Amino acid sequence: MIGLRRSAPDLEWVQMYRQGIPTSRIAALAGAAETTVRYHLQIAAKAEPGIREEHKAALAPAAPRTSEAGLRNLADVLAFHEAHDRLPVSHGKTSRERALAAWLANRRRQSAEKTLSPTYRDALAVIAGWDKPSTRKAEDEARWQHRLEELQRIRAAGGEWPRHQKTDDAHERTLGVWLHGQRIDYRAGRIDQAKAEQLDRRLPGWREGRGHRGGRRR
């Protein structure tokens, strides 16, 4: 009731404050001046300094949640990256890729705001730099390096140079097309000098391929 004199601190107001209710709202509910409510809370805080932290904790947003649709998107993003050696992009060829890119952009925003669900955060952590804004140039560079590393492992294990045609092995054809493109760019003088040096250093004989006497390592 308005005008009712309360003993300070008012225990009801203190409890409401502990629950995260702001002083302005407590005053409105109690029909009291906000300055009066603050006075009561100041007295309570002197006796129990911890109520300030309790109030802040009650105001904290609820733990971020996941949804069934979100978990499906997460699984699809991980599968997409495994299959294509890159993340989905907004200019992707399929509507599904574009939808995954939009979902991922929201997760990047949440990560920056520190509101990302730990479930998403921990799962996406296996993809280095997933939370950084993606550009086509960066994606192309990462894919180039990945192809180089794959081919280097194959050659180090004694494998043959991959073919870009006349093969039923999709993975071999992918690497073969990539390598064939590097040779074309080299012969046309279009290849980046730093990339040419990496190829020379890490893949000796790459320019000649199967026709080179060192085509197969024993």
C-alpha atoms as a PDB file:
ATOM      1  CA  MET A   1       0.000   0.000   0.000  1.00  0.00           C
ATOM      2  CA  ILE A   2       1.245   3.515  -0.854  1.00  0.00           C
ATOM      3  CA  GLY A   3       2.436   5.401   2.206  1.00  0.00           C
ATOM      4  CA  LEU A   4       2.963   2.227   4.282  1.00  0.00           C
ATOM      5  CA  ARG A   5       6.144   2.604   6.334  1.00  0.00           C
ATOM      6  CA  ARG A   6       8.477  -0.370   5.888  1.00  0.00           C
ATOM      7  CA  SER A   7      11.350  -1.481   8.072  1.00  0.00           C
ATOM      8  CA  ALA A   8      14.645  -1.166   6.216  1.00  0.00           C
ATOM      9  CA  PRO A   9      15.689  -3.250   4.497  1.00  0.00           C
ATOM     10  CA  ASP A  10      12.370  -4.567   3.238  1.00  0.00           C
ATOM     11  CA  LEU A  11      12.859  -8.322   2.869  1.00  0.00           C
ATOM     12  CA  GLU A  12      10.351  -8.621   0.024  1.00  0.00           C
ATOM     13  CA  TRP A  13      12.178  -5.959  -2.009  1.00  0.00           C
ATOM     14  CA  VAL A  14      15.518  -7.585  -1.285  1.00  0.00           C
ATOM     15  CA  GLN A  15      14.228 -10.951  -2.501  1.00  0.00           C
ATOM     16  CA  MET A  16      12.842  -9.399  -5.688  1.00  0.00           C
ATOM     17  CA  TYR A  17      16.197  -7.731  -6.281  1.00  0.00           C
ATOM     18  CA  ARG A  18      18.007 -11.051  -5.804  1.00  0.00           C
ATOM     19  CA  GLN A  19      15.812 -12.505  -8.535  1.00  0.00           C
ATOM     20  CA  GLY A  20      17.039  -9.890 -11.009  1.00  0.00           C
ATOM     21  CA  ILE A  21      14.094  -7.497 -10.883  1.00  0.00           C
ATOM     22  CA  PRO A  22      15.351  -3.915 -11.419  1.00  0.00           C
ATOM     23  CA  THR A  23      14.724  -1.266  -8.796  1.00  0.00           C
ATOM     24  CA  SER A  24      12.399   0.680 -11.081  1.00  0.00           C
ATOM     25  CA  ARG A  25      10.173  -2.381 -11.467  1.00  0.00           C
ATOM     26  CA  ILE A  26      10.206  -3.106  -7.716  1.00  0.00           C
ATOM     27  CA  ALA A  27       9.179   0.476  -7.045  1.00  0.00           C
ATOM     28  CA  ALA A  28       6.329   0.268  -9.544  1.00  0.00           C
ATOM     29  CA  LEU A  29       5.057  -3.014  -8.100  1.00  0.00           C
ATOM     30  CA  ALA A  30       5.279  -1.733  -4.529  1.00  0.00           C
ATOM     31  CA  GLY A  31       3.857   1.716  -5.267  1.00  0.00           C
ATOM     32  CA  ALA A  32       6.942   3.298  -3.735  1.00  0.00           C
ATOM     33  CA  ALA A  33       9.479   5.860  -4.854  1.00  0.00           C
ATOM     34  CA  GLU A  34      12.485   4.319  -6.588  1.00  0.00           C
ATOM     35  CA  THR A  35      14.794   6.293  -4.291  1.00  0.00           C
ATOM     36  CA  THR A  36      13.144   4.566  -1.342  1.00  0.00           C
ATOM     37  CA  VAL A  37      13.708   1.150  -2.865  1.00  0.00           C
ATOM     38  CA  ARG A  38      17.343   2.008  -3.551  1.00  0.00           C
ATOM     39  CA  TYR A  39      17.779   3.135   0.058  1.00  0.00           C
ATOM     40  CA  HIS A  40      16.481  -0.214   1.323  1.00  0.00           C
ATOM     41  CA  LEU A  41      18.738  -2.127  -1.062  1.00  0.00           C
ATOM     42  CA  GLN A  42      21.790  -0.101  -0.055  1.00  0.00           C
ATOM     43  CA  ILE A  43      21.198  -1.065   3.571  1.00  0.00           C
ATOM     44  CA  ALA A  44      20.762  -4.720   2.538  1.00  0.00           C
ATOM     45  CA  ALA A  45      23.944  -4.644   0.446  1.00  0.00           C
ATOM     46  CA  LYS A  46      25.975  -3.339   3.377  1.00  0.00           C
ATOM     47  CA  ALA A  47      24.880  -6.345   5.413  1.00  0.00           C
ATOM     48  CA  GLU A  48      25.135  -8.798   2.493  1.00  0.00           C
ATOM     49  CA  PRO A  49      27.422  -7.494  -0.303  1.00  0.00           C
ATOM     50  CA  GLY A  50      26.740 -10.673  -2.283  1.00  0.00           C
ATOM     51  CA  ILE A  51      23.230  -9.613  -3.264  1.00  0.00           C
ATOM     52  CA  ARG A  52      24.671  -7.330  -5.968  1.00  0.00           C
ATOM     53  CA  GLU A  53      26.319 -10.328  -7.657  1.00  0.00           C
ATOM     54  CA  GLU A  54      23.147 -12.409  -7.240  1.00  0.00           C
ATOM     55  CA  HIS A  55      21.199  -9.651  -8.997  1.00  0.00           C
ATOM     56  CA  LYS A  56      23.701  -9.548 -11.891  1.00  0.00           C
ATOM     57  CA  ALA A  57      23.701 -13.325 -12.201  1.00  0.00           C
ATOM     58  CA  ALA A  58      19.908 -13.382 -12.373  1.00  0.00           C
ATOM     59  CA  LEU A  59      20.046 -10.804 -15.164  1.00  0.00           C
ATOM     60  CA  ALA A  60      22.494 -12.903 -17.225  1.00  0.00           C
ATOM     61  CA  PRO A  61      20.986 -14.396 -20.385  1.00  0.00           C
ATOM     62  CA  ALA A  62      20.059 -18.045 -20.352  1.00  0.00           C
ATOM     63  CA  ALA A  63      22.606 -20.494 -21.713  1.00  0.00           C
ATOM     64  CA  PRO A  64      22.447 -20.583 -25.510  1.00  0.00           C
ATOM     65  CA  ARG A  65      20.420 -23.485 -26.843  1.00  0.00           C
ATOM     66  CA  THR A  66      20.595 -25.730 -29.839  1.00  0.00           C
ATOM     67  CA  SER A  67      17.724 -27.020 -31.951  1.00  0.00           C
ATOM     68  CA  GLU A  68      17.161 -30.108 -34.061  1.00  0.00           C
ATOM     69  CA  ALA A  69      17.381 -27.991 -37.204  1.00  0.00           C
ATOM     70  CA  GLY A  70      20.571 -26.375 -35.939  1.00  0.00           C
ATOM     71  CA  LEU A  71      22.173 -29.730 -35.226  1.00  0.00           C
ATOM     72  CA  ARG A  72      21.260 -30.911 -38.737  1.00  0.00           C
ATOM     73  CA  ASN A  73      22.846 -27.785 -40.168  1.00  0.00           C
ATOM     74  CA  LEU A  74      25.932 -28.375 -38.039  1.00  0.00           C
ATOM     75  CA  ALA A  75      26.278 -31.939 -39.319  1.00  0.00           C
ATOM     76  CA  ASP A  76      25.777 -30.770 -42.910  1.00  0.00           C
ATOM     77  CA  VAL A  77      28.412 -28.027 -42.555  1.00  0.00           C
ATOM     78  CA  LEU A  78      30.944 -30.543 -41.234  1.00  0.00           C
ATOM     79  CA  ALA A  79      30.092 -32.999 -44.014  1.00  0.00           C
ATOM     80  CA  PHE A  80      30.308 -30.241 -46.631  1.00  0.00           C
ATOM     81  CA  HIS A  81      33.746 -29.229 -45.417  1.00  0.00           C
ATOM     82  CA  GLU A  82      34.920 -32.843 -45.454  1.00  0.00           C
ATOM     83  CA  ALA A  83      33.695 -33.335 -49.017  1.00  0.00           C
ATOM     84  CA  HIS A  84      34.771 -30.006 -50.552  1.00  0.00           C
ATOM     85  CA  ASP A  85      37.731 -28.878 -48.415  1.00  0.00           C
ATOM     86  CA  ARG A  86      35.978 -25.558 -47.793  1.00  0.00           C
ATOM     87  CA  LEU A  87      33.030 -24.063 -45.978  1.00  0.00           C
ATOM     88  CA  PRO A  88      29.671 -23.245 -47.586  1.00  0.00           C
ATOM     89  CA  VAL A  89      29.523 -19.772 -49.156  1.00  0.00           C
ATOM     90  CA  SER A  90      26.685 -17.362 -49.823  1.00  0.00           C
ATOM     91  CA  HIS A  91      27.311 -17.494 -53.576  1.00  0.00           C
ATOM     92  CA  GLY A  92      27.177 -21.297 -53.648  1.00  0.00           C
ATOM     93  CA  LYS A  93      25.624 -23.127 -56.572  1.00  0.00           C
ATOM     94  CA  THR A  94      22.867 -24.866 -54.580  1.00  0.00           C
ATOM     95  CA  SER A  95      20.192 -23.444 -52.316  1.00  0.00           C
ATOM     96  CA  ARG A  96      21.305 -25.826 -49.573  1.00  0.00           C
ATOM     97  CA  GLU A  97      24.867 -24.496 -49.629  1.00  0.00           C
ATOM     98  CA  ARG A  98      23.585 -20.931 -49.496  1.00  0.00           C
ATOM     99  CA  ALA A  99      21.331 -21.819 -46.561  1.00  0.00           C
ATOM    100  CA  LEU A 100      24.247 -23.413 -44.700  1.00  0.00           C
ATOM    101  CA  ALA A 101      26.361 -20.317 -45.384  1.00  0.00           C
ATOM    102  CA  ALA A 102      23.649 -18.133 -43.831  1.00  0.00           C
ATOM    103  CA  TRP A 103      23.424 -20.427 -40.806  1.00  0.00           C
ATOM    104  CA  LEU A 104      27.199 -20.337 -40.422  1.00  0.00           C
ATOM    105  CA  ALA A 105      27.242 -16.531 -40.653  1.00  0.00           C
ATOM    106  CA  ASN A 106      24.855 -16.393 -37.691  1.00  0.00           C
ATOM    107  CA  ARG A 107      27.107 -18.729 -35.720  1.00  0.00           C
ATOM    108  CA  ARG A 108      30.083 -16.459 -36.482  1.00  0.00           C
ATOM    109  CA  ARG A 109      28.113 -13.499 -35.158  1.00  0.00           C
ATOM    110  CA  GLN A 110      27.206 -15.409 -31.992  1.00  0.00           C
ATOM    111  CA  SER A 111      30.821 -16.438 -31.539  1.00  0.00           C
ATOM    112  CA  ALA A 112      31.917 -12.801 -31.723  1.00  0.00           C
ATOM    113  CA  GLU A 113      29.209 -11.859 -29.215  1.00  0.00           C
ATOM    114  CA  LYS A 114      30.195 -14.741 -26.881  1.00  0.00           C
ATOM    115  CA  THR A 115      26.685 -16.192 -27.091  1.00  0.00           C
ATOM    116  CA  LEU A 116      27.443 -19.269 -29.218  1.00  0.00           C
ATOM    117  CA  SER A 117      26.220 -22.596 -27.888  1.00  0.00           C
ATOM    118  CA  PRO A 118      29.140 -24.709 -26.589  1.00  0.00           C
ATOM    119  CA  THR A 119      27.764 -27.599 -28.657  1.00  0.00           C
ATOM    120  CA  TYR A 120      28.258 -25.645 -31.880  1.00  0.00           C
ATOM    121  CA  ARG A 121      31.509 -24.076 -30.715  1.00  0.00           C
ATOM    122  CA  ASP A 122      33.173 -27.384 -29.819  1.00  0.00           C
ATOM    123  CA  ALA A 123      32.035 -29.162 -32.990  1.00  0.00           C
ATOM    124  CA  LEU A 124      33.086 -26.344 -35.326  1.00  0.00           C
ATOM    125  CA  ALA A 125      36.475 -26.032 -33.613  1.00  0.00           C
ATOM    126  CA  VAL A 126      37.781 -28.877 -35.801  1.00  0.00           C
ATOM    127  CA  ILE A 127      37.682 -26.434 -38.762  1.00  0.00           C
ATOM    128  CA  ALA A 128      40.498 -23.929 -38.356  1.00  0.00           C
ATOM    129  CA  GLY A 129      39.345 -20.344 -38.839  1.00  0.00           C
ATOM    130  CA  TRP A 130      35.668 -21.221 -39.269  1.00  0.00           C
ATOM    131  CA  ASP A 131      34.684 -18.148 -37.251  1.00  0.00           C
ATOM    132  CA  LYS A 132      36.612 -15.719 -39.461  1.00  0.00           C
ATOM    133  CA  PRO A 133      34.757 -13.927 -42.278  1.00  0.00           C
ATOM    134  CA  SER A 134      35.220 -16.001 -45.414  1.00  0.00           C
ATOM    135  CA  THR A 135      36.253 -14.646 -48.799  1.00  0.00           C
ATOM    136  CA  ARG A 136      36.479 -16.445 -52.119  1.00  0.00           C
ATOM    137  CA  LYS A 137      40.193 -15.625 -52.340  1.00  0.00           C
ATOM    138  CA  ALA A 138      40.865 -17.125 -48.910  1.00  0.00           C
ATOM    139  CA  GLU A 139      38.844 -20.234 -49.783  1.00  0.00           C
ATOM    140  CA  ASP A 140      40.764 -20.702 -53.045  1.00  0.00           C
ATOM    141  CA  GLU A 141      44.097 -20.317 -51.270  1.00  0.00           C
ATOM    142  CA  ALA A 142      43.162 -22.828 -48.569  1.00  0.00           C
ATOM    143  CA  ARG A 143      41.967 -25.313 -51.200  1.00  0.00           C
ATOM    144  CA  TRP A 144      45.224 -24.901 -53.194  1.00  0.00           C
ATOM    145  CA  GLN A 145      47.321 -25.612 -50.125  1.00  0.00           C
ATOM    146  CA  HIS A 146      45.186 -28.613 -49.242  1.00  0.00           C
ATOM    147  CA  ARG A 147      45.605 -30.109 -52.727  1.00  0.00           C
ATOM    148  CA  LEU A 148      49.360 -29.585 -52.545  1.00  0.00           C
ATOM    149  CA  GLU A 149      49.573 -31.314 -49.165  1.00  0.00           C
ATOM    150  CA  GLU A 150      47.434 -34.229 -50.355  1.00  0.00           C
ATOM    151  CA  LEU A 151      49.577 -34.792 -53.428  1.00  0.00           C
ATOM    152  CA  GLN A 152      52.777 -34.482 -51.440  1.00  0.00           C
ATOM    153  CA  ARG A 153      51.602 -37.242 -49.071  1.00  0.00           C
ATOM    154  CA  ILE A 154      50.727 -39.497 -52.001  1.00  0.00           C
ATOM    155  CA  ARG A 155      54.103 -38.984 -53.650  1.00  0.00           C
ATOM    156  CA  ALA A 156      55.991 -39.430 -50.384  1.00  0.00           C
ATOM    157  CA  ALA A 157      54.229 -42.783 -49.955  1.00  0.00           C
ATOM    158  CA  GLY A 158      55.365 -43.894 -53.438  1.00  0.00           C
ATOM    159  CA  GLY A 159      52.163 -43.077 -55.289  1.00  0.00           C
ATOM    160  CA  GLU A 160      51.941 -42.246 -58.988  1.00  0.00           C
ATOM    161  CA  TRP A 161      51.056 -38.829 -60.359  1.00  0.00           C
ATOM    162  CA  PRO A 162      47.253 -38.539 -60.468  1.00  0.00           C
ATOM    163  CA  ARG A 163      45.448 -38.621 -63.832  1.00  0.00           C
ATOM    164  CA  HIS A 164      42.967 -35.944 -64.790  1.00  0.00           C
ATOM    165  CA  GLN A 165      41.205 -38.253 -67.256  1.00  0.00           C
ATOM    166  CA  LYS A 166      40.892 -41.969 -68.047  1.00  0.00           C
ATOM    167  CA  THR A 167      40.336 -42.832 -64.397  1.00  0.00           C
ATOM    168  CA  ASP A 168      37.235 -43.905 -62.466  1.00  0.00           C
ATOM    169  CA  ASP A 169      38.707 -42.725 -59.149  1.00  0.00           C
ATOM    170  CA  ALA A 170      36.974 -39.429 -58.312  1.00  0.00           C
ATOM    171  CA  HIS A 171      39.643 -38.401 -55.814  1.00  0.00           C
ATOM    172  CA  GLU A 172      42.464 -39.120 -58.260  1.00  0.00           C
ATOM    173  CA  ARG A 173      40.641 -37.155 -60.954  1.00  0.00           C
ATOM    174  CA  THR A 174      40.182 -34.176 -58.594  1.00  0.00           C
ATOM    175  CA  LEU A 175      43.894 -34.070 -57.820  1.00  0.00           C
ATOM    176  CA  GLY A 176      44.753 -34.751 -61.460  1.00  0.00           C
ATOM    177  CA  VAL A 177      42.645 -31.833 -62.674  1.00  0.00           C
ATOM    178  CA  TRP A 178      44.279 -29.573 -60.075  1.00  0.00           C
ATOM    179  CA  LEU A 179      47.788 -30.640 -61.077  1.00  0.00           C
ATOM    180  CA  HIS A 180      46.991 -30.358 -64.785  1.00  0.00           C
ATOM    181  CA  GLY A 181      45.812 -26.802 -64.152  1.00  0.00           C
ATOM    182  CA  GLN A 182      49.081 -25.938 -62.395  1.00  0.00           C
ATOM    183  CA  ARG A 183      51.050 -27.210 -65.394  1.00  0.00           C
ATOM    184  CA  ILE A 184      48.932 -25.197 -67.820  1.00  0.00           C
ATOM    185  CA  ASP A 185      49.362 -22.043 -65.733  1.00  0.00           C
ATOM    186  CA  TYR A 186      53.110 -22.634 -65.485  1.00  0.00           C
ATOM    187  CA  ARG A 187      53.561 -23.084 -69.246  1.00  0.00           C
ATOM    188  CA  ALA A 188      51.439 -19.996 -69.919  1.00  0.00           C
ATOM    189  CA  GLY A 189      53.439 -17.929 -67.410  1.00  0.00           C
ATOM    190  CA  ARG A 190      50.345 -17.328 -65.258  1.00  0.00           C
ATOM    191  CA  ILE A 191      51.353 -19.216 -62.128  1.00  0.00           C
ATOM    192  CA  ASP A 192      52.246 -17.254 -59.006  1.00  0.00           C
ATOM    193  CA  GLN A 193      56.011 -17.404 -58.437  1.00  0.00           C
ATOM    194  CA  ALA A 194      55.624 -18.370 -54.776  1.00  0.00           C
ATOM    195  CA  LYS A 195      53.321 -21.266 -55.746  1.00  0.00           C
ATOM    196  CA  ALA A 196      55.743 -22.431 -58.441  1.00  0.00           C
ATOM    197  CA  GLU A 197      58.531 -22.488 -55.871  1.00  0.00           C
ATOM    198  CA  GLN A 198      56.399 -24.512 -53.465  1.00  0.00           C
ATOM    199  CA  LEU A 199      55.609 -27.036 -56.200  1.00  0.00           C
ATOM    200  CA  ASP A 200      59.284 -27.338 -57.172  1.00  0.00           C
ATOM    201  CA  ARG A 201      60.344 -27.826 -53.570  1.00  0.00           C
ATOM    202  CA  ARG A 202      57.617 -30.167 -52.404  1.00  0.00           C
ATOM    203  CA  LEU A 203      56.771 -32.027 -55.613  1.00  0.00           C
ATOM    204  CA  PRO A 204      59.952 -32.597 -57.660  1.00  0.00           C
ATOM    205  CA  GLY A 205      59.085 -33.541 -61.246  1.00  0.00           C
ATOM    206  CA  TRP A 206      55.583 -32.075 -61.078  1.00  0.00           C
ATOM    207  CA  ARG A 207      55.970 -30.262 -64.404  1.00  0.00           C
ATOM    208  CA  GLU A 208      56.587 -33.453 -66.391  1.00  0.00           C
ATOM    209  CA  GLY A 209      54.442 -35.908 -64.443  1.00  0.00           C
ATOM    210  CA  ARG A 210      54.119 -39.508 -65.630  1.00  0.00           C
ATOM    211  CA  GLY A 211      56.343 -38.938 -68.625  1.00  0.00           C
ATOM    212  CA  HIS A 212      59.233 -38.082 -66.307  1.00  0.00           C
ATOM    213  CA  ARG A 213      61.692 -40.840 -65.493  1.00  0.00           C
ATOM    214  CA  GLY A 214      61.059 -40.231 -61.808  1.00  0.00           C
ATOM    215  CA  GLY A 215      57.305 -40.581 -62.330  1.00  0.00           C
ATOM    216  CA  ARG A 216      56.994 -43.409 -59.803  1.00  0.00           C
ATOM    217  CA  ARG A 217      58.943 -43.590 -56.644  1.00  0.00           C
ATOM    218  CA  ARG A 218      60.118 -47.023 -55.512  1.00  0.00           C
END
